[in-house]
Amino acid sequence: MYDWDALWHEHEGYRTGFDVQHNDANQLADELSAKLMKPAQHPTDVAVYETADKFILAGHADGLQLLEVFKHGLFDITLRLVSEDEGLELTLPYVEIHVDNLATEEQAVWRGAVRRDEEGRIWIDSRTLDEQVMPAMPFDELSFTDNARFRDALHRVWEEDLPTLRPLIEAWFDHTSLTGEAEAHHYGDESRVQQICDRYAEIVRREQAVLSRQFSDAELQLIAHVLQNVRFEEAASCRGVWLAVEACMIDEELDQHFKLDGEALLGKMKALSYAQEVALIEALSPLPTASAAE
């Protein structure tokens, strides 16, 4: 589910000593009033306990030590620019900020319209891109919406990550200004379509060659298992394949079934480019059946 060893070392300064007679990290359920969810496999490994609102990591480092990790702090924030119609009644383009917390089983999305005014300034919702001041993002459906760490993370996304989208935003408006079109346009005659298909196939082939060296056979088998039940109807839906893999690993314990390091696999998948994710899908997704294609 999480890289517990990384959390243990990352938050070393927040550990506290724990005095118990047996000194066994795997035998603390009663003392902690918590459920053991991952036993330590060796003396330097970390045992993980769970309560309703937190995880408690137990390990040995100059004696038995504990680290409390509150679930509301284990969130992920994803930012993207949506420039193609995804079936929502929103004017293109718009910015989407997706918050996901597997520990608390919560998720929420904020969307802000994007426009460029006559002076060339880019506006996101009610703020310009140059202001570096966030518009209101209530996220009322999240139990941790007022958590200081979550709000700080949102500000970092707005101030550091959002400006990296400026070239894409500018390109979208420049294209619209030249063509007068905001919708996807046709690509021309049959020869032009064939040229695009050939280039697409070559991109996929090259990326698959790289991925075959990057992932083990067991990792590819696990991804293929997940993709059996996932459909990618739109091009934009190909982004974020790791989310589907992570969800299935939690529900089905696939990392144990395929005997691999699930956190290492997710780390590789999060680092993939869009082209590499498409290449994985093309290689491992089942071919559509005749009835599905009709």
Protein backbone atom coordinates (compact mmCIF):
# COMPACT_ATOMS: atom_id res chain seq x y z
CA MET A 1 0.00 0.00 0.00
CA TYR A 2 2.72 2.45 1.02
CA ASP A 3 6.50 2.40 1.16
CA TRP A 4 6.63 1.93 4.92
CA ASP A 5 10.42 1.77 5.04
CA ALA A 6 10.64 5.13 3.25
CA LEU A 7 8.13 6.67 5.69
CA TRP A 8 10.10 5.25 8.61
CA HIS A 9 13.34 6.90 7.48
CA GLU A 10 11.78 10.09 6.08
CA HIS A 11 10.17 10.92 9.44
CA GLU A 12 13.02 9.71 11.63
CA GLY A 13 12.88 12.85 13.76
CA TYR A 14 9.29 12.12 14.78
CA ARG A 15 9.93 8.67 16.22
CA THR A 16 9.52 8.05 19.92
CA GLY A 17 11.00 5.37 22.14
CA PHE A 18 8.74 2.62 23.43
CA ASP A 19 9.57 0.50 26.46
CA VAL A 20 8.03 -2.95 26.50
CA GLN A 21 9.38 -6.04 28.21
CA HIS A 22 9.30 -8.47 25.26
CA ASN A 23 10.82 -5.91 22.83
CA ASP A 24 9.09 -7.62 19.86
CA ALA A 25 7.83 -5.20 17.20
CA ASN A 26 5.26 -7.76 16.03
CA GLN A 27 3.64 -8.21 19.46
CA LEU A 28 2.37 -4.70 20.24
CA ALA A 29 -1.29 -4.92 19.21
CA ASP A 30 -2.59 -4.90 22.78
CA GLU A 31 -0.25 -2.17 24.01
CA LEU A 32 -1.13 0.06 21.05
CA SER A 33 -4.83 -0.87 20.84
CA ALA A 34 -4.22 -1.37 17.14
CA LYS A 35 -4.38 -4.12 14.52
CA LEU A 36 -1.15 -5.54 13.12
CA MET A 37 -1.48 -5.16 9.34
CA LYS A 38 2.13 -5.84 8.28
CA PRO A 39 4.53 -7.79 10.49
CA ALA A 40 8.25 -7.09 10.41
CA GLN A 41 9.98 -9.79 8.37
CA HIS A 42 13.47 -9.36 9.87
CA PRO A 43 15.13 -7.42 12.72
CA THR A 44 15.65 -4.26 10.65
CA ASP A 45 12.19 -4.34 9.06
CA VAL A 46 9.23 -2.22 10.21
CA ALA A 47 5.98 -3.60 11.63
CA VAL A 48 2.84 -1.61 10.78
CA TYR A 49 -0.24 -1.29 12.97
CA GLU A 50 -3.52 0.39 12.09
CA THR A 51 -6.16 2.28 14.05
CA ALA A 52 -9.17 4.20 12.76
CA ASP A 53 -7.21 7.38 12.09
CA LYS A 54 -3.55 6.46 11.84
CA PHE A 55 -0.84 3.92 11.12
CA ILE A 56 1.77 3.14 13.78
CA LEU A 57 5.16 1.95 12.57
CA ALA A 58 7.32 -0.03 14.99
CA GLY A 59 10.98 -0.80 14.47
CA HIS A 60 14.35 -1.13 16.15
CA ALA A 61 16.83 1.75 16.12
CA ASP A 62 18.77 1.98 19.37
CA GLY A 63 15.85 0.25 21.03
CA LEU A 64 12.22 -0.15 20.05
CA GLN A 65 10.77 3.00 18.47
CA LEU A 66 7.34 4.04 17.21
CA LEU A 67 6.27 6.42 14.45
CA GLU A 68 2.67 7.62 14.13
CA VAL A 69 1.49 8.45 10.60
CA PHE A 70 -1.96 9.99 10.46
CA LYS A 71 -4.10 8.82 7.56
CA HIS A 72 -5.32 12.29 6.66
CA GLY A 73 -1.75 13.22 5.73
CA LEU A 74 -1.33 10.42 3.16
CA PHE A 75 -2.90 12.22 0.21
CA ASP A 76 -1.82 12.59 -3.42
CA ILE A 77 -2.50 15.71 -5.51
CA THR A 78 -2.55 15.52 -9.31
CA LEU A 79 -2.68 18.56 -11.58
CA ARG A 80 -3.57 18.52 -15.27
CA LEU A 81 -4.76 20.76 -18.06
CA VAL A 82 -7.87 19.41 -19.80
CA SER A 83 -7.95 20.57 -23.41
CA GLU A 84 -10.22 17.92 -24.95
CA ASP A 85 -13.90 17.31 -24.34
CA GLU A 86 -14.37 14.71 -21.60
CA GLY A 87 -18.14 14.92 -21.44
CA LEU A 88 -18.40 17.62 -18.78
CA GLU A 89 -20.37 20.79 -19.32
CA LEU A 90 -17.29 22.98 -19.00
CA THR A 91 -15.74 25.37 -21.49
CA LEU A 92 -12.33 24.24 -22.70
CA PRO A 93 -9.66 24.44 -21.53
CA TYR A 94 -9.79 24.05 -17.78
CA VAL A 95 -7.46 23.04 -14.98
CA GLU A 96 -8.22 19.99 -12.87
CA ILE A 97 -6.77 19.29 -9.43
CA HIS A 98 -7.48 15.77 -8.23
CA VAL A 99 -6.97 14.80 -4.57
CA ASP A 100 -6.86 11.13 -3.62
CA ASN A 101 -6.29 9.54 -0.21
CA LEU A 102 -6.31 5.75 -0.23
CA ALA A 103 -5.89 5.56 3.53
CA THR A 104 -9.10 7.47 4.26
CA GLU A 105 -10.79 6.25 1.05
CA GLU A 106 -11.55 9.82 -0.01
CA GLN A 107 -11.16 11.64 -3.29
CA ALA A 108 -12.25 14.99 -4.69
CA VAL A 109 -11.74 17.13 -7.79
CA TRP A 110 -11.55 20.90 -8.25
CA ARG A 111 -11.88 22.39 -11.73
CA GLY A 112 -11.15 25.95 -12.79
CA ALA A 113 -11.89 27.56 -16.14
CA VAL A 114 -8.89 28.91 -18.08
CA ARG A 115 -9.03 32.03 -20.25
CA ARG A 116 -6.68 34.57 -21.78
CA ASP A 117 -7.69 38.23 -21.68
CA GLU A 118 -6.98 40.98 -24.22
CA GLU A 119 -3.73 41.85 -22.45
CA GLY A 120 -2.50 38.28 -22.78
CA ARG A 121 -2.86 37.40 -19.12
CA ILE A 122 -3.81 33.83 -18.26
CA TRP A 123 -6.67 33.45 -15.80
CA ILE A 124 -7.42 30.31 -13.81
CA ASP A 125 -10.87 30.64 -12.29
CA SER A 126 -10.76 34.07 -10.59
CA ARG A 127 -6.97 34.47 -10.41
CA THR A 128 -4.27 35.27 -12.94
CA LEU A 129 -1.40 32.85 -13.35
CA ASP A 130 1.09 35.54 -12.36
CA GLU A 131 -0.62 36.36 -9.05
CA GLN A 132 0.41 33.08 -7.41
CA VAL A 133 -2.68 33.46 -5.22
CA MET A 134 -5.06 30.52 -5.11
CA PRO A 135 -8.77 30.91 -5.72
CA ALA A 136 -11.11 29.35 -3.20
CA MET A 137 -10.80 25.56 -3.19
CA PRO A 138 -13.11 24.37 -0.43
CA PHE A 139 -12.79 20.60 -0.95
CA ASP A 140 -15.58 20.32 1.62
CA GLU A 141 -16.04 16.61 0.93
CA LEU A 142 -12.58 15.84 2.34
CA SER A 143 -12.27 15.26 6.08
CA PHE A 144 -8.77 16.77 6.00
CA THR A 145 -9.63 19.87 3.95
CA ASP A 146 -8.54 22.25 6.74
CA ASN A 147 -5.37 20.31 7.56
CA ALA A 148 -2.37 22.66 7.38
CA ARG A 149 -0.19 20.14 5.55
CA PHE A 150 -2.84 19.62 2.90
CA ARG A 151 -3.32 23.36 2.39
CA ASP A 152 0.45 23.87 2.13
CA ALA A 153 0.62 21.13 -0.50
CA LEU A 154 -2.17 22.79 -2.49
CA HIS A 155 -0.30 26.09 -2.41
CA ARG A 156 2.87 24.39 -3.69
CA VAL A 157 0.93 22.86 -6.57
CA TRP A 158 -0.54 26.26 -7.43
CA GLU A 159 2.68 28.24 -7.09
CA GLU A 160 5.20 25.72 -8.46
CA ASP A 161 3.44 23.16 -10.66
CA LEU A 162 0.70 25.24 -12.28
CA PRO A 163 3.12 27.70 -13.99
CA THR A 164 4.69 24.76 -15.84
CA LEU A 165 1.40 24.44 -17.75
CA ARG A 166 1.74 27.94 -19.22
CA PRO A 167 3.31 26.77 -22.55
CA LEU A 168 0.45 24.29 -23.07
CA ILE A 169 -2.15 26.92 -22.23
CA GLU A 170 -0.55 29.49 -24.53
CA ALA A 171 -0.32 26.94 -27.34
CA TRP A 172 -4.00 26.06 -26.95
CA PHE A 173 -5.13 29.68 -27.22
CA ASP A 174 -2.70 30.41 -30.06
CA HIS A 175 -4.10 27.49 -32.04
CA THR A 176 -7.67 28.59 -31.36
CA SER A 177 -6.87 32.16 -32.43
CA LEU A 178 -5.40 30.96 -35.73
CA THR A 179 -8.03 28.36 -36.63
CA GLY A 180 -11.08 29.75 -34.89
CA GLU A 181 -11.65 26.23 -33.57
CA ALA A 182 -11.69 25.02 -30.01
CA GLU A 183 -12.73 21.51 -30.88
CA ALA A 184 -10.57 18.71 -32.20
CA HIS A 185 -10.03 19.09 -35.93
CA HIS A 186 -9.82 16.60 -38.80
CA TYR A 187 -6.44 15.41 -39.96
CA GLY A 188 -6.93 15.44 -43.72
CA ASP A 189 -6.97 12.77 -46.37
CA GLU A 190 -6.26 9.04 -46.12
CA SER A 191 -2.52 9.38 -46.79
CA ARG A 192 -2.18 11.91 -43.97
CA VAL A 193 -4.08 9.64 -41.58
CA GLN A 194 -1.81 6.73 -42.56
CA GLN A 195 1.25 8.88 -41.90
CA ILE A 196 -0.03 9.70 -38.41
CA CYS A 197 -0.75 6.02 -37.73
CA ASP A 198 2.74 5.01 -38.87
CA ARG A 199 4.34 7.58 -36.61
CA TYR A 200 2.15 6.50 -33.71
CA ALA A 201 3.14 2.86 -34.25
CA GLU A 202 6.83 3.78 -34.32
CA ILE A 203 6.54 5.79 -31.09
CA VAL A 204 4.80 2.86 -29.41
CA ARG A 205 7.39 0.37 -30.73
CA ARG A 206 10.32 2.42 -29.42
CA GLU A 207 8.71 2.96 -26.01
CA GLN A 208 7.83 -0.72 -25.68
CA ALA A 209 11.46 -1.64 -26.31
CA VAL A 210 12.48 0.62 -23.42
CA LEU A 211 9.74 -0.66 -21.12
CA SER A 212 10.65 -4.30 -21.75
CA ARG A 213 14.02 -3.59 -20.10
CA GLN A 214 12.55 -1.42 -17.36
CA PHE A 215 9.91 -3.86 -16.05
CA SER A 216 10.34 -7.49 -15.01
CA ASP A 217 8.16 -10.26 -16.45
CA ALA A 218 6.25 -10.51 -13.16
CA GLU A 219 5.58 -6.77 -13.14
CA LEU A 220 4.29 -6.86 -16.72
CA GLN A 221 2.07 -9.84 -15.88
CA LEU A 222 0.58 -7.94 -12.94
CA ILE A 223 -0.12 -4.86 -15.10
CA ALA A 224 -1.68 -7.05 -17.79
CA HIS A 225 -3.92 -8.65 -15.16
CA VAL A 226 -5.15 -5.22 -14.06
CA LEU A 227 -5.72 -3.99 -17.61
CA GLN A 228 -8.04 -6.91 -18.36
CA ASN A 229 -10.81 -5.01 -16.57
CA VAL A 230 -9.91 -1.43 -17.56
CA ARG A 231 -11.17 0.31 -20.69
CA PHE A 232 -9.53 3.34 -22.26
CA GLU A 233 -12.22 4.92 -24.40
CA GLU A 234 -10.61 8.36 -24.70
CA ALA A 235 -6.99 9.36 -25.26
CA ALA A 236 -6.95 11.35 -22.02
CA SER A 237 -8.02 8.29 -20.01
CA CYS A 238 -4.67 6.61 -20.74
CA ARG A 239 -2.95 8.89 -18.23
CA GLY A 240 -2.44 7.59 -14.69
CA VAL A 241 -2.46 3.82 -15.25
CA TRP A 242 -0.67 3.42 -11.91
CA LEU A 243 -3.86 4.43 -10.10
CA ALA A 244 -5.68 1.37 -11.43
CA VAL A 245 -2.72 -0.85 -10.57
CA GLU A 246 -2.50 0.54 -7.04
CA ALA A 247 -6.21 0.04 -6.42
CA CYS A 248 -6.07 -3.59 -7.57
CA MET A 249 -2.96 -4.32 -5.51
CA ILE A 250 -4.77 -3.13 -2.41
CA ASP A 251 -8.00 -5.01 -3.17
CA GLU A 252 -6.46 -8.24 -4.45
CA GLU A 253 -2.94 -8.21 -2.90
CA LEU A 254 -1.53 -8.73 -6.39
CA ASP A 255 2.01 -7.88 -5.36
CA GLN A 256 2.01 -10.93 -3.08
CA HIS A 257 0.37 -13.11 -5.73
CA PHE A 258 3.00 -12.18 -8.34
CA LYS A 259 5.78 -12.16 -5.70
CA LEU A 260 7.11 -8.67 -6.38
CA ASP A 261 7.72 -5.35 -4.67
CA GLY A 262 4.50 -3.43 -5.20
CA GLU A 263 5.88 -0.08 -4.05
CA ALA A 264 8.82 -0.34 -6.43
CA LEU A 265 6.44 -1.11 -9.30
CA LEU A 266 4.24 1.90 -8.49
CA GLY A 267 7.33 4.09 -8.31
CA LYS A 268 8.30 3.05 -11.84
CA MET A 269 4.78 3.60 -13.16
CA LYS A 270 4.42 7.06 -11.64
CA ALA A 271 7.55 8.13 -13.51
CA LEU A 272 6.22 7.05 -16.93
CA SER A 273 5.53 9.62 -19.62
CA TYR A 274 2.16 9.69 -21.38
CA ALA A 275 3.70 7.97 -24.44
CA GLN A 276 5.08 5.19 -22.25
CA GLU A 277 1.71 4.64 -20.58
CA VAL A 278 0.08 4.37 -24.00
CA ALA A 279 2.77 1.89 -25.04
CA LEU A 280 2.02 -0.24 -21.96
CA ILE A 281 -1.69 -0.17 -22.73
CA GLU A 282 -1.12 -1.11 -26.37
CA ALA A 283 1.10 -4.03 -25.35
CA LEU A 284 -0.86 -5.42 -22.42
CA SER A 285 -4.54 -4.52 -22.85
CA PRO A 286 -6.72 -7.31 -24.26
CA LEU A 287 -7.87 -6.80 -27.83
CA PRO A 288 -11.52 -5.73 -28.10
CA THR A 289 -13.93 -8.51 -28.96
CA ALA A 290 -16.03 -8.39 -32.07
CA SER A 291 -19.16 -7.50 -30.07
CA ALA A 292 -17.33 -4.72 -28.21
CA ALA A 293 -16.01 -3.25 -31.42
CA GLU A 294 -19.45 -3.04 -33.02
